[in-house]
Amino acid sequence: MGERERRERARAEEARKALARVEAESETIVGSSARRMATHARDHFGGADKNQDDRIEVWGTRIGRGLGLVFAVGLLIYLFVTYVK
């Protein structure tokens, strides 16, 4: 029985180490993905891809993309209220 308990403890310790590794790796992957998405969204809605010397083009892009987002959210709400009832 002593040998069996030792093997069980070794297996349990190995499982804990594996879970700790997976948790650390997933936090790294999820964290970096979230940062990358937030940076991309900020650049996209901020008009970073437009000529920064042309302020009207930058602000027009920001306004257009913002209104597009508002329209998309409003459409989703409308569709949800209309068809989920």
Protein backbone atom coordinates (compact mmCIF):
# COMPACT_ATOMS: atom_id res chain seq x y z
CA MET A 1 0.00 0.00 0.00
CA GLY A 2 2.91 2.38 0.58
CA GLU A 3 4.07 2.02 -3.04
CA ARG A 4 0.55 2.73 -4.32
CA GLU A 5 0.22 5.89 -2.22
CA ARG A 6 3.62 7.11 -3.42
CA ARG A 7 2.61 6.63 -7.07
CA GLU A 8 -0.71 8.41 -6.48
CA ARG A 9 1.07 11.36 -4.85
CA ALA A 10 3.57 11.52 -7.72
CA ARG A 11 0.74 11.48 -10.27
CA ALA A 12 -1.16 14.17 -8.36
CA GLU A 13 1.95 16.37 -8.17
CA GLU A 14 2.60 15.90 -11.89
CA ALA A 15 -1.01 16.84 -12.65
CA ARG A 16 -0.73 20.00 -10.51
CA LYS A 17 2.43 21.05 -12.34
CA ALA A 18 0.81 20.45 -15.73
CA LEU A 19 -2.25 22.50 -14.73
CA ALA A 20 -0.03 25.33 -13.49
CA ARG A 21 1.86 25.36 -16.82
CA VAL A 22 -1.37 25.42 -18.83
CA GLU A 23 -2.79 28.21 -16.68
CA ALA A 24 0.35 30.33 -17.06
CA GLU A 25 0.44 29.79 -20.84
CA SER A 26 -3.26 30.56 -21.31
CA GLU A 27 -2.97 33.80 -19.33
CA THR A 28 -0.10 34.84 -21.57
CA ILE A 29 -1.99 33.99 -24.77
CA VAL A 30 -5.27 35.57 -23.67
CA GLY A 31 -3.57 38.67 -22.28
CA SER A 32 -1.49 39.30 -25.37
CA SER A 33 -4.48 38.71 -27.66
CA ALA A 34 -6.62 41.13 -25.68
CA ARG A 35 -3.90 43.79 -25.78
CA ARG A 36 -3.44 43.31 -29.52
CA MET A 37 -7.21 43.58 -30.15
CA ALA A 38 -7.50 46.71 -27.99
CA THR A 39 -4.60 48.35 -29.80
CA HIS A 40 -6.04 47.46 -33.20
CA ALA A 41 -9.49 48.80 -32.25
CA ARG A 42 -7.99 52.03 -30.95
CA ASP A 43 -5.97 52.48 -34.13
CA HIS A 44 -8.92 51.56 -36.35
CA PHE A 45 -11.45 53.91 -34.75
CA GLY A 46 -8.80 56.60 -34.29
CA GLY A 47 -8.08 56.72 -38.02
CA ALA A 48 -4.41 55.76 -37.63
CA ASP A 49 -4.40 54.30 -41.16
CA LYS A 50 -5.21 57.69 -42.73
CA ASN A 51 -2.88 60.56 -43.65
CA GLN A 52 -2.28 62.30 -40.30
CA ASP A 53 -1.48 65.59 -42.07
CA ASP A 54 -5.06 65.81 -43.37
CA ARG A 55 -7.06 66.47 -40.18
CA ILE A 56 -10.41 66.50 -42.00
CA GLU A 57 -9.82 63.04 -43.43
CA VAL A 58 -8.80 61.72 -40.01
CA TRP A 59 -11.83 63.21 -38.26
CA GLY A 60 -14.16 62.11 -41.06
CA THR A 61 -12.85 58.57 -40.70
CA ARG A 62 -13.30 58.66 -36.93
CA ILE A 63 -16.86 59.97 -37.22
CA GLY A 64 -17.81 57.52 -39.97
CA ARG A 65 -16.43 54.50 -38.15
CA GLY A 66 -18.05 55.59 -34.89
CA LEU A 67 -21.43 56.04 -36.57
CA GLY A 68 -21.01 52.66 -38.25
CA LEU A 69 -20.45 51.06 -34.85
CA VAL A 70 -23.51 52.82 -33.38
CA PHE A 71 -25.60 51.68 -36.37
CA ALA A 72 -24.41 48.07 -36.03
CA VAL A 73 -25.21 47.98 -32.30
CA GLY A 74 -28.62 49.56 -32.93
CA LEU A 75 -29.36 47.01 -35.65
CA LEU A 76 -28.42 44.13 -33.35
CA ILE A 77 -30.72 45.51 -30.63
CA TYR A 78 -33.55 45.95 -33.13
CA LEU A 79 -33.16 42.42 -34.48
CA PHE A 80 -32.98 40.96 -30.99
CA VAL A 81 -36.12 42.78 -29.82
CA THR A 82 -38.00 41.97 -33.04
CA TYR A 83 -37.20 38.29 -33.45
CA VAL A 84 -36.49 36.95 -29.98
CA LYS A 85 -39.84 38.02 -28.51
